[in-house]
Amino acid sequence: MKRIFLGMAVVTMLATACNNGNKPDSNADTTNFNSEDGTITVAEPVVREGEYVNLASGEKVTIVKDPTTGIAIDSKTQIPVQFYYDPVTLDTMYQSGMVVNNLLIKEGEGKYKLDDMKIKVDGDKIKIKTDSTKLKVDGEEMKMKTPDGKMKVDGEDGKIKTDETKIKVEDGDTKVKPRN
């Protein structure tokens, strides 16, 4: 399981833009942030097999992960499903399993696209931009800038800077320094 160090700003961003809304029985890879208030866990985008609604057709489909590409496909037709809806969690997912609630634009009957002013996906590279937050993910490297601070993650190592604190995780060691 990959462990990525996250700051509260990231948790806020991911909870609204990329919250995966796991079912309790899923075996999700997770990302943890240990704070003074406890541990916050955010699921990483992963295609979860199950019953969903294909947004393009409006029909119920059984989503499975394509073993070659890793994207969501219809188990019966073996055709990729670009956007699908989970009636249990009320989340809308992109073909990679990433939750894209409030990031879709309806182009016409059964046609949707990602709001490219907010999110760009190119292979394993993801960029999300809101009015106040920028998030860039490239493989195991992630950078985020918010009004509350900056964060950089590379694999299991990372740094967070806020007005009050500097946090650094390197080789499993965590250092916290107050900023004056």
Protein backbone atom coordinates (compact mmCIF):
# COMPACT_ATOMS: atom_id res chain seq x y z
CA MET A 1 0.00 0.00 0.00
CA LYS A 2 1.33 3.42 -0.93
CA ARG A 3 1.42 5.91 1.93
CA ILE A 4 1.40 9.55 0.98
CA PHE A 5 1.75 12.32 3.53
CA LEU A 6 -1.10 14.83 3.29
CA GLY A 7 -1.90 18.16 4.92
CA MET A 8 -5.32 19.37 5.96
CA ALA A 9 -5.58 21.46 2.79
CA VAL A 10 -5.16 18.32 0.71
CA VAL A 11 -7.79 16.48 2.70
CA THR A 12 -10.22 19.34 2.11
CA MET A 13 -9.46 19.38 -1.62
CA LEU A 14 -9.65 15.62 -2.02
CA ALA A 15 -12.80 15.36 0.04
CA THR A 16 -14.60 17.76 -2.29
CA ALA A 17 -12.94 17.05 -5.65
CA CYS A 18 -11.66 13.50 -5.48
CA ASN A 19 -13.32 11.79 -2.53
CA ASN A 20 -13.78 8.20 -3.53
CA GLY A 21 -16.70 7.39 -1.24
CA ASN A 22 -15.66 3.77 -0.70
CA LYS A 23 -18.12 1.08 0.13
CA PRO A 24 -17.35 -0.36 3.58
CA ASP A 25 -16.36 -3.73 2.12
CA SER A 26 -13.81 -2.37 -0.36
CA ASN A 27 -10.10 -3.04 0.02
CA ALA A 28 -8.99 0.44 -0.95
CA ASP A 29 -5.44 1.64 -0.97
CA THR A 30 -5.44 4.55 1.41
CA THR A 31 -3.50 7.64 2.18
CA ASN A 32 -3.04 8.70 5.81
CA PHE A 33 -2.28 11.96 7.55
CA ASN A 34 -1.57 11.83 11.24
CA SER A 35 -2.51 15.07 12.92
CA GLU A 36 -2.78 16.12 16.55
CA ASP A 37 -6.54 15.58 16.20
CA GLY A 38 -6.20 11.98 14.92
CA THR A 39 -5.79 10.19 11.64
CA ILE A 40 -7.59 11.17 8.46
CA THR A 41 -7.78 8.56 5.74
CA VAL A 42 -8.50 9.39 2.10
CA ALA A 43 -8.94 6.68 -0.53
CA GLU A 44 -6.76 6.86 -3.63
CA PRO A 45 -8.55 6.66 -7.01
CA VAL A 46 -9.00 3.00 -7.88
CA VAL A 47 -11.60 1.31 -10.08
CA ARG A 48 -13.93 -0.61 -7.74
CA GLU A 49 -15.85 -3.50 -9.24
CA GLY A 50 -19.59 -3.35 -8.67
CA GLU A 51 -23.00 -2.23 -9.86
CA TYR A 52 -23.18 1.32 -11.23
CA VAL A 53 -25.10 3.45 -13.74
CA ASN A 54 -23.39 4.33 -17.03
CA LEU A 55 -23.96 8.09 -17.46
CA ALA A 56 -23.86 7.87 -21.27
CA SER A 57 -26.66 5.28 -21.52
CA GLY A 58 -28.42 5.65 -18.17
CA GLU A 59 -28.35 1.84 -17.86
CA LYS A 60 -27.16 -0.24 -14.92
CA VAL A 61 -23.76 -1.82 -15.58
CA THR A 62 -21.35 -4.04 -13.72
CA ILE A 63 -18.01 -2.24 -13.71
CA VAL A 64 -14.76 -4.21 -13.66
CA LYS A 65 -11.18 -3.05 -14.00
CA ASP A 66 -9.60 -3.72 -17.39
CA PRO A 67 -6.52 -5.86 -16.65
CA THR A 68 -4.46 -4.14 -19.36
CA THR A 69 -5.35 -0.45 -19.06
CA GLY A 70 -6.64 -0.36 -15.47
CA ILE A 71 -9.72 1.68 -16.46
CA ALA A 72 -13.39 0.90 -15.82
CA ILE A 73 -15.11 -1.33 -18.37
CA ASP A 74 -18.58 -2.85 -18.66
CA SER A 75 -18.23 -6.52 -17.67
CA LYS A 76 -20.69 -7.69 -20.36
CA THR A 77 -19.55 -5.63 -23.38
CA GLN A 78 -15.90 -5.16 -22.31
CA ILE A 79 -16.24 -1.55 -23.56
CA PRO A 80 -14.69 1.28 -21.48
CA VAL A 81 -17.15 3.33 -19.42
CA GLN A 82 -15.95 6.92 -19.28
CA PHE A 83 -18.29 8.22 -16.54
CA TYR A 84 -20.39 6.17 -14.16
CA TYR A 85 -22.56 6.87 -11.13
CA ASP A 86 -22.75 5.00 -7.82
CA PRO A 87 -26.36 5.11 -6.53
CA VAL A 88 -25.18 4.01 -3.05
CA THR A 89 -22.51 6.67 -2.39
CA LEU A 90 -24.02 9.24 -4.81
CA ASP A 91 -20.58 9.72 -6.40
CA THR A 92 -19.82 10.10 -10.09
CA MET A 93 -16.58 8.46 -11.22
CA TYR A 94 -14.23 8.91 -14.16
CA GLN A 95 -12.94 5.79 -15.93
CA SER A 96 -9.85 5.72 -13.66
CA GLY A 97 -12.03 5.41 -10.55
CA MET A 98 -11.44 9.03 -9.53
CA VAL A 99 -14.54 10.75 -8.14
CA VAL A 100 -15.42 13.74 -10.30
CA ASN A 101 -18.45 15.16 -8.50
CA ASN A 102 -19.10 18.73 -9.68
CA LEU A 103 -16.39 18.46 -12.35
CA LEU A 104 -18.59 17.35 -15.25
CA ILE A 105 -20.22 19.36 -18.00
CA LYS A 106 -23.21 17.92 -19.83
CA GLU A 107 -22.72 18.42 -23.57
CA GLY A 108 -25.93 16.81 -24.73
CA GLU A 109 -28.12 13.75 -24.27
CA GLY A 110 -25.87 11.11 -22.70
CA LYS A 111 -22.69 13.09 -23.42
CA TYR A 112 -20.48 14.45 -20.68
CA LYS A 113 -16.96 15.79 -20.42
CA LEU A 114 -14.63 16.89 -17.66
CA ASP A 115 -14.63 20.60 -17.06
CA ASP A 116 -11.16 21.23 -18.49
CA MET A 117 -11.03 24.52 -16.63
CA LYS A 118 -10.91 22.46 -13.44
CA ILE A 119 -9.27 19.13 -14.24
CA LYS A 120 -6.92 17.69 -16.84
CA VAL A 121 -6.03 14.02 -17.05
CA ASP A 122 -3.23 12.72 -19.28
CA GLY A 123 -2.30 9.12 -18.47
CA ASP A 124 -1.07 9.09 -14.86
CA LYS A 125 -0.75 12.89 -14.82
CA ILE A 126 -3.61 14.78 -13.18
CA LYS A 127 -4.01 18.52 -12.71
CA ILE A 128 -6.87 20.02 -10.71
CA LYS A 129 -7.38 23.75 -10.41
CA THR A 130 -10.05 25.58 -8.47
CA ASP A 131 -10.34 29.27 -7.67
CA SER A 132 -8.01 28.87 -4.69
CA THR A 133 -6.26 25.49 -5.05
CA LYS A 134 -3.88 23.82 -7.47
CA LEU A 135 -3.14 20.08 -7.37
CA LYS A 136 -0.70 18.29 -9.67
CA VAL A 137 -0.14 14.52 -9.59
CA ASP A 138 2.48 12.82 -11.75
CA GLY A 139 3.01 9.17 -10.83
CA GLU A 140 4.12 9.13 -7.19
CA GLU A 141 4.89 12.85 -7.14
CA MET A 142 2.21 15.27 -5.97
CA LYS A 143 2.26 19.04 -5.44
CA MET A 144 -0.48 21.17 -3.97
CA LYS A 145 -0.83 24.87 -3.30
CA THR A 146 -3.73 26.36 -1.33
CA PRO A 147 -4.32 29.61 0.54
CA ASP A 148 -3.45 27.63 3.70
CA GLY A 149 -0.05 26.43 2.49
CA LYS A 150 2.00 24.27 0.15
CA MET A 151 2.64 20.55 0.02
CA LYS A 152 4.98 18.33 -1.96
CA VAL A 153 4.97 14.52 -1.89
CA ASP A 154 7.35 12.15 -3.63
CA GLY A 155 6.52 8.52 -2.84
CA GLU A 156 6.54 8.23 0.95
CA ASP A 157 8.52 11.45 1.54
CA GLY A 158 6.89 14.85 1.73
CA LYS A 159 6.82 18.42 2.98
CA ILE A 160 4.04 20.71 4.14
CA LYS A 161 4.34 24.42 4.81
CA THR A 162 1.61 26.49 6.40
CA ASP A 163 1.71 29.88 8.08
CA GLU A 164 2.10 28.13 11.44
CA THR A 165 4.05 24.91 10.74
CA LYS A 166 6.63 23.14 8.60
CA ILE A 167 6.31 19.35 8.44
CA LYS A 168 8.81 17.08 6.73
CA VAL A 169 8.63 13.31 6.30
CA GLU A 170 11.82 11.69 5.02
CA ASP A 171 12.89 8.05 5.24
CA GLY A 172 10.06 7.34 7.69
CA ASP A 173 11.04 10.15 10.08
CA THR A 174 8.65 13.04 10.71
CA LYS A 175 9.89 16.48 11.75
CA VAL A 176 7.52 19.24 12.81
CA LYS A 177 8.73 22.81 13.26
CA PRO A 178 6.63 25.82 14.21
CA ARG A 179 7.07 28.78 11.86
CA ASN A 180 7.61 32.13 13.48
